[in-house]
């Protein structure tokens, strides 16, 4: 978290609030969250700059400024909240507010992170900064997105057929398809009726089409319902998303499958929790040479 639908919702929430605004002051409370330059250089490049655009690529939010672009990766628990000075966001958010952008209309954009995994990147900053190099490489290697205008059927089918990876792990590979994380990978596989341990290359034409359609449907619906608030996610105005009410399998271990009534099961694949219906998503034939 947040995944593509959450970051897209944050972008749509913040765009009308930020685009055209000037950042008058950048307040750095916790310097370790800045990548590509130190606090002084960050402030020099950002303060007085106008926000030209707000974009999203995969799980990255990108602020296009007049003198250098910023990328924000929220990782597990990061939040970007637009508010008025003095707004009470709660003691936890106040304690974990690490960067504040003061805008020319009197509002603030606060970067909040309780888990401390997210970062704010100056994209044309110090080329020797290893964290910046890694982020730039990740952005450059992102695969197509599972949306209209992104991932297309022919390319998806060909790439599936060429991969012997477990489907759950493959869907989390940002170079294969950008923006999916644990929640939506589980939901997409349920929609398609495919077990997370299936090998990508083993899918029939019909199964591959179901997965392709399922990804597009789930992502579109999650954006429509403003994302999934399981733990920390809120949109750019601090509001929770409601797609959590529509989850079929994720986080529902032991509950009844909404389709057939079987108990939802959980297993760990590649170090990540995976939730599925054992009846609607039949497991692959066991093989002594494959590992979870």
C-alpha atoms as a PDB file:
ATOM      1  CA  UNK A   1       0.000   0.000   0.000  1.00  0.00           C
ATOM      2  CA  UNK A   2      -0.639   2.409  -1.581  1.00  0.00           C
ATOM      3  CA  UNK A   3      -1.005   0.768  -5.001  1.00  0.00           C
ATOM      4  CA  UNK A   4      -2.000   2.189  -8.392  1.00  0.00           C
ATOM      5  CA  UNK A   5      -5.639   3.026  -7.490  1.00  0.00           C
ATOM      6  CA  UNK A   6      -4.626   4.790  -4.280  1.00  0.00           C
ATOM      7  CA  UNK A   7      -1.875   6.869  -5.905  1.00  0.00           C
ATOM      8  CA  UNK A   8      -4.170   7.690  -8.836  1.00  0.00           C
ATOM      9  CA  UNK A   9      -6.840   8.835  -6.357  1.00  0.00           C
ATOM     10  CA  UNK A  10      -4.297  10.998  -4.526  1.00  0.00           C
ATOM     11  CA  UNK A  11      -3.246  12.512  -7.852  1.00  0.00           C
ATOM     12  CA  UNK A  12      -6.827  13.287  -8.853  1.00  0.00           C
ATOM     13  CA  UNK A  13      -7.531  14.778  -5.433  1.00  0.00           C
ATOM     14  CA  UNK A  14      -4.437  16.974  -5.376  1.00  0.00           C
ATOM     15  CA  UNK A  15      -4.222  18.108  -9.010  1.00  0.00           C
ATOM     16  CA  UNK A  16      -6.863  20.869  -8.769  1.00  0.00           C
ATOM     17  CA  UNK A  17      -5.336  21.965  -5.448  1.00  0.00           C
ATOM     18  CA  UNK A  18      -1.690  22.081  -6.563  1.00  0.00           C
ATOM     19  CA  UNK A  19      -1.353  22.729 -10.283  1.00  0.00           C
ATOM     20  CA  UNK A  20      -0.665  26.420 -10.824  1.00  0.00           C
ATOM     21  CA  UNK A  21       0.207  27.017  -7.193  1.00  0.00           C
ATOM     22  CA  UNK A  22       3.639  28.273  -6.097  1.00  0.00           C
ATOM     23  CA  UNK A  23       5.567  26.599  -3.288  1.00  0.00           C
ATOM     24  CA  UNK A  24       6.617  29.528  -1.128  1.00  0.00           C
ATOM     25  CA  UNK A  25       8.408  27.497   1.533  1.00  0.00           C
ATOM     26  CA  UNK A  26       9.581  23.929   2.017  1.00  0.00           C
ATOM     27  CA  UNK A  27       9.784  22.866   5.657  1.00  0.00           C
ATOM     28  CA  UNK A  28      12.010  19.838   6.240  1.00  0.00           C
ATOM     29  CA  UNK A  29      11.408  18.244   9.615  1.00  0.00           C
ATOM     30  CA  UNK A  30      13.100  14.891   8.908  1.00  0.00           C
ATOM     31  CA  UNK A  31      15.958  15.161   6.368  1.00  0.00           C
ATOM     32  CA  UNK A  32      16.325  11.407   5.817  1.00  0.00           C
ATOM     33  CA  UNK A  33      13.155  11.428   3.704  1.00  0.00           C
ATOM     34  CA  UNK A  34      14.864  13.545   1.022  1.00  0.00           C
ATOM     35  CA  UNK A  35      16.774  11.762  -1.750  1.00  0.00           C
ATOM     36  CA  UNK A  36      18.993  13.360  -4.391  1.00  0.00           C
ATOM     37  CA  UNK A  37      19.985  16.449  -2.413  1.00  0.00           C
ATOM     38  CA  UNK A  38      20.253  17.770   1.118  1.00  0.00           C
ATOM     39  CA  UNK A  39      17.633  20.032   2.702  1.00  0.00           C
ATOM     40  CA  UNK A  40      19.309  23.287   1.596  1.00  0.00           C
ATOM     41  CA  UNK A  41      19.561  22.236  -2.054  1.00  0.00           C
ATOM     42  CA  UNK A  42      16.016  20.873  -1.991  1.00  0.00           C
ATOM     43  CA  UNK A  43      14.703  24.178  -0.672  1.00  0.00           C
ATOM     44  CA  UNK A  44      16.716  26.161  -3.216  1.00  0.00           C
ATOM     45  CA  UNK A  45      15.268  24.138  -6.084  1.00  0.00           C
ATOM     46  CA  UNK A  46      11.701  24.010  -4.811  1.00  0.00           C
ATOM     47  CA  UNK A  47      10.936  27.306  -3.076  1.00  0.00           C
ATOM     48  CA  UNK A  48       9.458  29.893  -5.386  1.00  0.00           C
ATOM     49  CA  UNK A  49       8.668  27.274  -8.012  1.00  0.00           C
ATOM     50  CA  UNK A  50       5.260  26.821  -9.560  1.00  0.00           C
ATOM     51  CA  UNK A  51       3.647  23.398  -9.840  1.00  0.00           C
ATOM     52  CA  UNK A  52       3.253  22.824 -13.573  1.00  0.00           C
ATOM     53  CA  UNK A  53       1.631  19.400 -13.443  1.00  0.00           C
ATOM     54  CA  UNK A  54       0.978  16.372 -11.283  1.00  0.00           C
ATOM     55  CA  UNK A  55       1.494  12.932 -12.810  1.00  0.00           C
ATOM     56  CA  UNK A  56       1.530   9.317 -11.737  1.00  0.00           C
ATOM     57  CA  UNK A  57       3.663   6.447 -12.998  1.00  0.00           C
ATOM     58  CA  UNK A  58       3.089   3.093 -11.360  1.00  0.00           C
ATOM     59  CA  UNK A  59       3.092   3.806  -7.631  1.00  0.00           C
ATOM     60  CA  UNK A  60       5.113   7.037  -7.976  1.00  0.00           C
ATOM     61  CA  UNK A  61       3.536  10.500  -7.810  1.00  0.00           C
ATOM     62  CA  UNK A  62       5.510  13.072  -9.823  1.00  0.00           C
ATOM     63  CA  UNK A  63       5.341  16.837  -9.257  1.00  0.00           C
ATOM     64  CA  UNK A  64       6.505  18.784 -12.295  1.00  0.00           C
ATOM     65  CA  UNK A  65       8.061  22.031 -11.058  1.00  0.00           C
ATOM     66  CA  UNK A  66       9.700  24.944 -12.830  1.00  0.00           C
ATOM     67  CA  UNK A  67      13.202  24.123 -11.577  1.00  0.00           C
ATOM     68  CA  UNK A  68      13.248  20.368 -11.134  1.00  0.00           C
ATOM     69  CA  UNK A  69      10.767  17.540 -10.769  1.00  0.00           C
ATOM     70  CA  UNK A  70       9.983  15.712  -7.547  1.00  0.00           C
ATOM     71  CA  UNK A  71       8.833  12.116  -7.206  1.00  0.00           C
ATOM     72  CA  UNK A  72       7.102  10.805  -4.113  1.00  0.00           C
ATOM     73  CA  UNK A  73       7.001   7.087  -3.358  1.00  0.00           C
ATOM     74  CA  UNK A  74       4.643   6.466  -0.462  1.00  0.00           C
ATOM     75  CA  UNK A  75       5.748   2.845   0.047  1.00  0.00           C
ATOM     76  CA  UNK A  76       3.794   1.164   2.883  1.00  0.00           C
ATOM     77  CA  UNK A  77       2.220   3.984   4.872  1.00  0.00           C
ATOM     78  CA  UNK A  78       3.097   7.338   3.297  1.00  0.00           C
ATOM     79  CA  UNK A  79       0.445  10.032   2.917  1.00  0.00           C
ATOM     80  CA  UNK A  80       0.264  13.352   1.049  1.00  0.00           C
ATOM     81  CA  UNK A  81      -2.397  15.544   2.634  1.00  0.00           C
ATOM     82  CA  UNK A  82      -3.514  19.009   1.494  1.00  0.00           C
ATOM     83  CA  UNK A  83      -4.827  21.094   4.394  1.00  0.00           C
ATOM     84  CA  UNK A  84      -4.920  24.496   6.047  1.00  0.00           C
ATOM     85  CA  UNK A  85      -2.211  25.606   8.484  1.00  0.00           C
ATOM     86  CA  UNK A  86      -3.142  24.492  11.948  1.00  0.00           C
ATOM     87  CA  UNK A  87      -5.514  21.754  10.780  1.00  0.00           C
ATOM     88  CA  UNK A  88      -5.529  18.954  13.318  1.00  0.00           C
ATOM     89  CA  UNK A  89      -4.698  15.728  11.463  1.00  0.00           C
ATOM     90  CA  UNK A  90      -4.414  13.799  14.708  1.00  0.00           C
ATOM     91  CA  UNK A  91      -1.453  13.228  17.042  1.00  0.00           C
ATOM     92  CA  UNK A  92      -0.045  10.330  15.018  1.00  0.00           C
ATOM     93  CA  UNK A  93       0.022  12.280  11.764  1.00  0.00           C
ATOM     94  CA  UNK A  94       1.442  15.359  13.462  1.00  0.00           C
ATOM     95  CA  UNK A  95       4.228  13.302  15.022  1.00  0.00           C
ATOM     96  CA  UNK A  96       5.043  11.704  11.673  1.00  0.00           C
ATOM     97  CA  UNK A  97       4.799  14.783   9.428  1.00  0.00           C
ATOM     98  CA  UNK A  98       8.261  14.923   7.857  1.00  0.00           C
ATOM     99  CA  UNK A  99       8.025  17.484   5.034  1.00  0.00           C
ATOM    100  CA  UNK A 100       5.630  20.410   4.608  1.00  0.00           C
ATOM    101  CA  UNK A 101       5.211  22.403   1.374  1.00  0.00           C
ATOM    102  CA  UNK A 102       3.692  25.836   2.094  1.00  0.00           C
ATOM    103  CA  UNK A 103       1.664  27.085  -0.872  1.00  0.00           C
ATOM    104  CA  UNK A 104       0.994  30.627  -2.031  1.00  0.00           C
ATOM    105  CA  UNK A 105      -2.743  30.328  -1.357  1.00  0.00           C
ATOM    106  CA  UNK A 106      -2.101  29.730   2.341  1.00  0.00           C
ATOM    107  CA  UNK A 107      -2.573  25.965   2.272  1.00  0.00           C
ATOM    108  CA  UNK A 108      -0.044  23.235   3.006  1.00  0.00           C
ATOM    109  CA  UNK A 109       0.879  19.912   1.450  1.00  0.00           C
ATOM    110  CA  UNK A 110       2.125  17.619   4.189  1.00  0.00           C
ATOM    111  CA  UNK A 111       4.125  14.442   3.694  1.00  0.00           C
ATOM    112  CA  UNK A 112       3.266  12.022   6.505  1.00  0.00           C
ATOM    113  CA  UNK A 113       4.798   8.576   7.042  1.00  0.00           C
ATOM    114  CA  UNK A 114       4.366   6.466  10.170  1.00  0.00           C
ATOM    115  CA  UNK A 115       6.472   3.561   8.889  1.00  0.00           C
ATOM    116  CA  UNK A 116       9.359   5.649   7.477  1.00  0.00           C
ATOM    117  CA  UNK A 117       9.745   3.663   4.234  1.00  0.00           C
ATOM    118  CA  UNK A 118       8.644   6.331   1.737  1.00  0.00           C
ATOM    119  CA  UNK A 119      10.854   9.006   0.211  1.00  0.00           C
ATOM    120  CA  UNK A 120      10.755  12.321  -1.714  1.00  0.00           C
ATOM    121  CA  UNK A 121      13.159  12.361  -4.670  1.00  0.00           C
ATOM    122  CA  UNK A 122      14.711  15.280  -6.557  1.00  0.00           C
ATOM    123  CA  UNK A 123      14.763  13.538  -9.922  1.00  0.00           C
ATOM    124  CA  UNK A 124      17.648  15.508 -11.411  1.00  0.00           C
ATOM    125  CA  UNK A 125      19.569  15.578  -8.143  1.00  0.00           C
ATOM    126  CA  UNK A 126      22.938  14.066  -7.232  1.00  0.00           C
ATOM    127  CA  UNK A 127      23.659  11.312  -9.812  1.00  0.00           C
ATOM    128  CA  UNK A 128      25.902   9.552  -7.299  1.00  0.00           C
ATOM    129  CA  UNK A 129      23.113   9.102  -4.757  1.00  0.00           C
ATOM    130  CA  UNK A 130      22.450   5.319  -4.773  1.00  0.00           C
ATOM    131  CA  UNK A 131      18.827   5.711  -3.618  1.00  0.00           C
ATOM    132  CA  UNK A 132      18.134   8.165  -6.433  1.00  0.00           C
ATOM    133  CA  UNK A 133      19.797   5.897  -8.983  1.00  0.00           C
ATOM    134  CA  UNK A 134      17.654   3.001  -7.814  1.00  0.00           C
ATOM    135  CA  UNK A 135      14.446   5.063  -8.052  1.00  0.00           C
ATOM    136  CA  UNK A 136      15.322   6.298 -11.547  1.00  0.00           C
ATOM    137  CA  UNK A 137      16.080   2.752 -12.651  1.00  0.00           C
ATOM    138  CA  UNK A 138      12.761   1.568 -11.221  1.00  0.00           C
ATOM    139  CA  UNK A 139      10.867   4.310 -13.052  1.00  0.00           C
ATOM    140  CA  UNK A 140      12.701   3.536 -16.290  1.00  0.00           C
ATOM    141  CA  UNK A 141      11.973  -0.192 -16.042  1.00  0.00           C
ATOM    142  CA  UNK A 142       8.288   0.030 -15.115  1.00  0.00           C
ATOM    143  CA  UNK A 143       6.100  -2.137 -17.302  1.00  0.00           C
ATOM    144  CA  UNK A 144       2.779  -1.144 -18.883  1.00  0.00           C
ATOM    145  CA  UNK A 145      -0.158  -0.415 -16.603  1.00  0.00           C
ATOM    146  CA  UNK A 146      -3.274  -2.621 -16.487  1.00  0.00           C
ATOM    147  CA  UNK A 147      -5.575   0.080 -17.802  1.00  0.00           C
ATOM    148  CA  UNK A 148      -7.014   1.361 -21.082  1.00  0.00           C
ATOM    149  CA  UNK A 149      -4.171   2.942 -23.030  1.00  0.00           C
ATOM    150  CA  UNK A 150      -1.606   0.876 -21.133  1.00  0.00           C
ATOM    151  CA  UNK A 151      -1.340  -2.893 -21.216  1.00  0.00           C
ATOM    152  CA  UNK A 152      -2.732  -4.389 -24.436  1.00  0.00           C
ATOM    153  CA  UNK A 153      -4.007  -7.923 -24.888  1.00  0.00           C
ATOM    154  CA  UNK A 154      -1.541  -9.137 -27.532  1.00  0.00           C
ATOM    155  CA  UNK A 155       1.514  -8.022 -25.577  1.00  0.00           C
ATOM    156  CA  UNK A 156       0.126  -9.377 -22.320  1.00  0.00           C
ATOM    157  CA  UNK A 157      -0.571 -12.816 -23.803  1.00  0.00           C
ATOM    158  CA  UNK A 158       2.889 -13.052 -25.349  1.00  0.00           C
ATOM    159  CA  UNK A 159       4.630 -12.011 -22.141  1.00  0.00           C
ATOM    160  CA  UNK A 160       2.624 -14.492 -20.079  1.00  0.00           C
ATOM    161  CA  UNK A 161       3.485 -17.339 -22.419  1.00  0.00           C
ATOM    162  CA  UNK A 162       7.197 -16.543 -22.107  1.00  0.00           C
ATOM    163  CA  UNK A 163       7.272 -16.659 -18.305  1.00  0.00           C
ATOM    164  CA  UNK A 164       7.423 -19.712 -16.034  1.00  0.00           C
ATOM    165  CA  UNK A 165       6.984 -17.631 -12.867  1.00  0.00           C
ATOM    166  CA  UNK A 166       4.205 -18.085 -10.329  1.00  0.00           C
ATOM    167  CA  UNK A 167       1.377 -15.728 -11.250  1.00  0.00           C
ATOM    168  CA  UNK A 168       1.163 -14.011  -7.872  1.00  0.00           C
ATOM    169  CA  UNK A 169       4.875 -13.190  -7.898  1.00  0.00           C
ATOM    170  CA  UNK A 170       4.754 -12.123 -11.543  1.00  0.00           C
ATOM    171  CA  UNK A 171       1.865  -9.705 -10.978  1.00  0.00           C
ATOM    172  CA  UNK A 172       3.894  -8.044  -8.211  1.00  0.00           C
ATOM    173  CA  UNK A 173       6.851  -7.565 -10.572  1.00  0.00           C
ATOM    174  CA  UNK A 174       6.648  -3.884 -11.503  1.00  0.00           C
ATOM    175  CA  UNK A 175       8.652  -4.508 -14.679  1.00  0.00           C
ATOM    176  CA  UNK A 176       5.977  -6.952 -15.872  1.00  0.00           C
ATOM    177  CA  UNK A 177       2.937  -4.804 -15.042  1.00  0.00           C
ATOM    178  CA  UNK A 178       3.153  -1.514 -13.168  1.00  0.00           C
ATOM    179  CA  UNK A 179       1.052  -0.524 -10.182  1.00  0.00           C
ATOM    180  CA  UNK A 180      -0.244  -3.805  -8.798  1.00  0.00           C
ATOM    181  CA  UNK A 181       0.523  -4.770  -5.222  1.00  0.00           C
ATOM    182  CA  UNK A 182      -0.635  -7.469  -2.851  1.00  0.00           C
ATOM    183  CA  UNK A 183      -4.260  -6.377  -2.551  1.00  0.00           C
ATOM    184  CA  UNK A 184      -5.082  -6.047  -6.233  1.00  0.00           C
ATOM    185  CA  UNK A 185      -3.031  -9.041  -7.375  1.00  0.00           C
ATOM    186  CA  UNK A 186      -5.171 -11.224  -5.083  1.00  0.00           C
ATOM    187  CA  UNK A 187      -8.393  -9.602  -6.273  1.00  0.00           C
ATOM    188  CA  UNK A 188      -7.458  -9.882  -9.969  1.00  0.00           C
ATOM    189  CA  UNK A 189      -6.641 -13.583  -9.646  1.00  0.00           C
ATOM    190  CA  UNK A 190      -9.951 -14.199  -7.858  1.00  0.00           C
ATOM    191  CA  UNK A 191     -11.900 -12.414 -10.594  1.00  0.00           C
ATOM    192  CA  UNK A 192     -10.157 -14.607 -13.153  1.00  0.00           C
ATOM    193  CA  UNK A 193     -10.663 -17.817 -11.147  1.00  0.00           C
ATOM    194  CA  UNK A 194      -6.941 -18.618 -11.226  1.00  0.00           C
ATOM    195  CA  UNK A 195      -4.853 -19.934  -8.352  1.00  0.00           C
ATOM    196  CA  UNK A 196      -1.889 -17.693  -7.349  1.00  0.00           C
ATOM    197  CA  UNK A 197       0.543 -20.635  -7.666  1.00  0.00           C
ATOM    198  CA  UNK A 198      -0.249 -21.239 -11.344  1.00  0.00           C
ATOM    199  CA  UNK A 199       2.652 -20.736 -13.719  1.00  0.00           C
ATOM    200  CA  UNK A 200       2.102 -17.864 -16.149  1.00  0.00           C
ATOM    201  CA  UNK A 201       3.044 -20.015 -19.130  1.00  0.00           C
ATOM    202  CA  UNK A 202       0.461 -22.647 -18.158  1.00  0.00           C
ATOM    203  CA  UNK A 203      -2.580 -20.442 -18.756  1.00  0.00           C
ATOM    204  CA  UNK A 204      -4.912 -21.271 -21.580  1.00  0.00           C
ATOM    205  CA  UNK A 205      -6.088 -18.563 -23.965  1.00  0.00           C
ATOM    206  CA  UNK A 206      -9.388 -18.325 -22.093  1.00  0.00           C
ATOM    207  CA  UNK A 207      -7.690 -18.082 -18.678  1.00  0.00           C
ATOM    208  CA  UNK A 208      -5.303 -15.407 -19.904  1.00  0.00           C
ATOM    209  CA  UNK A 209      -8.231 -13.391 -21.256  1.00  0.00           C
ATOM    210  CA  UNK A 210     -10.037 -13.684 -17.923  1.00  0.00           C
ATOM    211  CA  UNK A 211      -6.961 -12.443 -16.086  1.00  0.00           C
ATOM    212  CA  UNK A 212      -6.487  -9.567 -18.530  1.00  0.00           C
ATOM    213  CA  UNK A 213     -10.117  -8.500 -18.164  1.00  0.00           C
ATOM    214  CA  UNK A 214     -10.023  -9.004 -14.394  1.00  0.00           C
ATOM    215  CA  UNK A 215      -7.050  -6.691 -13.965  1.00  0.00           C
ATOM    216  CA  UNK A 216      -8.709  -3.908 -15.905  1.00  0.00           C
ATOM    217  CA  UNK A 217     -12.013  -4.337 -14.087  1.00  0.00           C
ATOM    218  CA  UNK A 218     -10.519  -4.410 -10.602  1.00  0.00           C
ATOM    219  CA  UNK A 219      -8.266  -1.404 -11.161  1.00  0.00           C
ATOM    220  CA  UNK A 220     -11.081   0.644 -12.736  1.00  0.00           C
ATOM    221  CA  UNK A 221     -13.468  -0.175  -9.875  1.00  0.00           C
ATOM    222  CA  UNK A 222     -10.843   0.536  -7.213  1.00  0.00           C
ATOM    223  CA  UNK A 223     -10.206   3.967  -8.718  1.00  0.00           C
ATOM    224  CA  UNK A 224     -13.969   4.608  -8.920  1.00  0.00           C
ATOM    225  CA  UNK A 225     -14.284   3.853  -5.195  1.00  0.00           C
ATOM    226  CA  UNK A 226     -11.206   5.953  -4.362  1.00  0.00           C
ATOM    227  CA  UNK A 227      -8.898   3.121  -3.306  1.00  0.00           C
ATOM    228  CA  UNK A 228      -8.704   0.692  -0.416  1.00  0.00           C
ATOM    229  CA  UNK A 229      -8.211   1.897   3.145  1.00  0.00           C
ATOM    230  CA  UNK A 230      -7.003  -1.142   5.065  1.00  0.00           C
ATOM    231  CA  UNK A 231      -4.538   0.584   7.389  1.00  0.00           C
ATOM    232  CA  UNK A 232      -2.983   3.976   6.658  1.00  0.00           C
ATOM    233  CA  UNK A 233      -4.180   5.051   3.221  1.00  0.00           C
ATOM    234  CA  UNK A 234      -6.076   8.320   2.795  1.00  0.00           C
ATOM    235  CA  UNK A 235      -6.485  10.480  -0.295  1.00  0.00           C
ATOM    236  CA  UNK A 236      -5.031  13.953  -0.763  1.00  0.00           C
ATOM    237  CA  UNK A 237      -7.669  15.501   1.490  1.00  0.00           C
ATOM    238  CA  UNK A 238      -7.337  12.932   4.259  1.00  0.00           C
ATOM    239  CA  UNK A 239     -10.379  10.842   3.326  1.00  0.00           C
ATOM    240  CA  UNK A 240     -10.457   7.053   3.275  1.00  0.00           C
ATOM    241  CA  UNK A 241     -11.303   5.022   0.191  1.00  0.00           C
ATOM    242  CA  UNK A 242     -14.252   2.613   0.127  1.00  0.00           C
ATOM    243  CA  UNK A 243     -13.065  -0.233  -2.100  1.00  0.00           C
ATOM    244  CA  UNK A 244     -12.264  -2.219   1.058  1.00  0.00           C
ATOM    245  CA  UNK A 245     -16.011  -2.931   1.240  1.00  0.00           C
ATOM    246  CA  UNK A 246     -15.784  -4.678  -2.146  1.00  0.00           C
ATOM    247  CA  UNK A 247     -12.791  -6.940  -1.471  1.00  0.00           C
ATOM    248  CA  UNK A 248     -13.574 -10.578  -2.232  1.00  0.00           C
ATOM    249  CA  UNK A 249     -10.536 -12.389  -0.846  1.00  0.00           C
ATOM    250  CA  UNK A 250      -7.819 -10.047   0.400  1.00  0.00           C
ATOM    251  CA  UNK A 251      -7.684 -10.011   4.207  1.00  0.00           C
ATOM    252  CA  UNK A 252     -10.700 -12.330   4.452  1.00  0.00           C
ATOM    253  CA  UNK A 253      -9.015 -15.542   5.627  1.00  0.00           C
ATOM    254  CA  UNK A 254     -11.602 -17.987   6.978  1.00  0.00           C
ATOM    255  CA  UNK A 255     -14.596 -16.007   5.713  1.00  0.00           C
ATOM    256  CA  UNK A 256     -17.029 -17.364   3.153  1.00  0.00           C
ATOM    257  CA  UNK A 257     -16.211 -16.862  -0.515  1.00  0.00           C
ATOM    258  CA  UNK A 258     -18.841 -14.457  -1.919  1.00  0.00           C
ATOM    259  CA  UNK A 259     -19.107 -16.622  -5.022  1.00  0.00           C
ATOM    260  CA  UNK A 260     -19.298 -20.215  -3.735  1.00  0.00           C
ATOM    261  CA  UNK A 261     -19.280 -20.066   0.087  1.00  0.00           C
ATOM    262  CA  UNK A 262     -16.002 -21.946   0.628  1.00  0.00           C
ATOM    263  CA  UNK A 263     -13.665 -20.594   3.299  1.00  0.00           C
ATOM    264  CA  UNK A 264     -11.056 -18.166   1.981  1.00  0.00           C
ATOM    265  CA  UNK A 265      -7.528 -19.462   2.489  1.00  0.00           C
ATOM    266  CA  UNK A 266      -4.176 -17.746   2.923  1.00  0.00           C
ATOM    267  CA  UNK A 267      -0.667 -18.848   1.997  1.00  0.00           C
ATOM    268  CA  UNK A 268       2.708 -17.143   1.728  1.00  0.00           C
ATOM    269  CA  UNK A 269       4.180 -16.924  -1.783  1.00  0.00           C
ATOM    270  CA  UNK A 270       7.527 -15.253  -2.276  1.00  0.00           C
ATOM    271  CA  UNK A 271       7.336 -13.792   1.207  1.00  0.00           C
ATOM    272  CA  UNK A 272       3.925 -12.175   0.592  1.00  0.00           C
ATOM    273  CA  UNK A 273       0.520 -13.159   1.931  1.00  0.00           C
ATOM    274  CA  UNK A 274      -1.833 -14.458  -0.746  1.00  0.00           C
ATOM    275  CA  UNK A 275      -5.582 -14.893  -0.281  1.00  0.00           C
ATOM    276  CA  UNK A 276      -7.717 -17.107  -2.512  1.00  0.00           C
ATOM    277  CA  UNK A 277     -10.760 -19.340  -2.727  1.00  0.00           C
ATOM    278  CA  UNK A 278      -9.689 -23.006  -2.947  1.00  0.00           C
ATOM    279  CA  UNK A 279     -12.845 -23.895  -4.888  1.00  0.00           C
ATOM    280  CA  UNK A 280     -13.122 -20.980  -7.329  1.00  0.00           C
ATOM    281  CA  UNK A 281      -9.350 -20.928  -7.847  1.00  0.00           C
ATOM    282  CA  UNK A 282      -8.351 -24.600  -8.113  1.00  0.00           C
ATOM    283  CA  UNK A 283      -4.688 -25.285  -7.326  1.00  0.00           C
ATOM    284  CA  UNK A 284      -2.250 -26.468  -9.995  1.00  0.00           C
ATOM    285  CA  UNK A 285      -1.195 -30.056 -10.215  1.00  0.00           C
ATOM    286  CA  UNK A 286       1.544 -30.679  -7.627  1.00  0.00           C
ATOM    287  CA  UNK A 287       5.093 -30.995  -8.898  1.00  0.00           C
ATOM    288  CA  UNK A 288       8.110 -32.109  -6.829  1.00  0.00           C
ATOM    289  CA  UNK A 289      10.322 -29.683  -8.699  1.00  0.00           C
ATOM    290  CA  UNK A 290       8.402 -26.495  -7.883  1.00  0.00           C
ATOM    291  CA  UNK A 291       8.521 -24.434  -4.713  1.00  0.00           C
ATOM    292  CA  UNK A 292       6.205 -21.826  -3.224  1.00  0.00           C
END
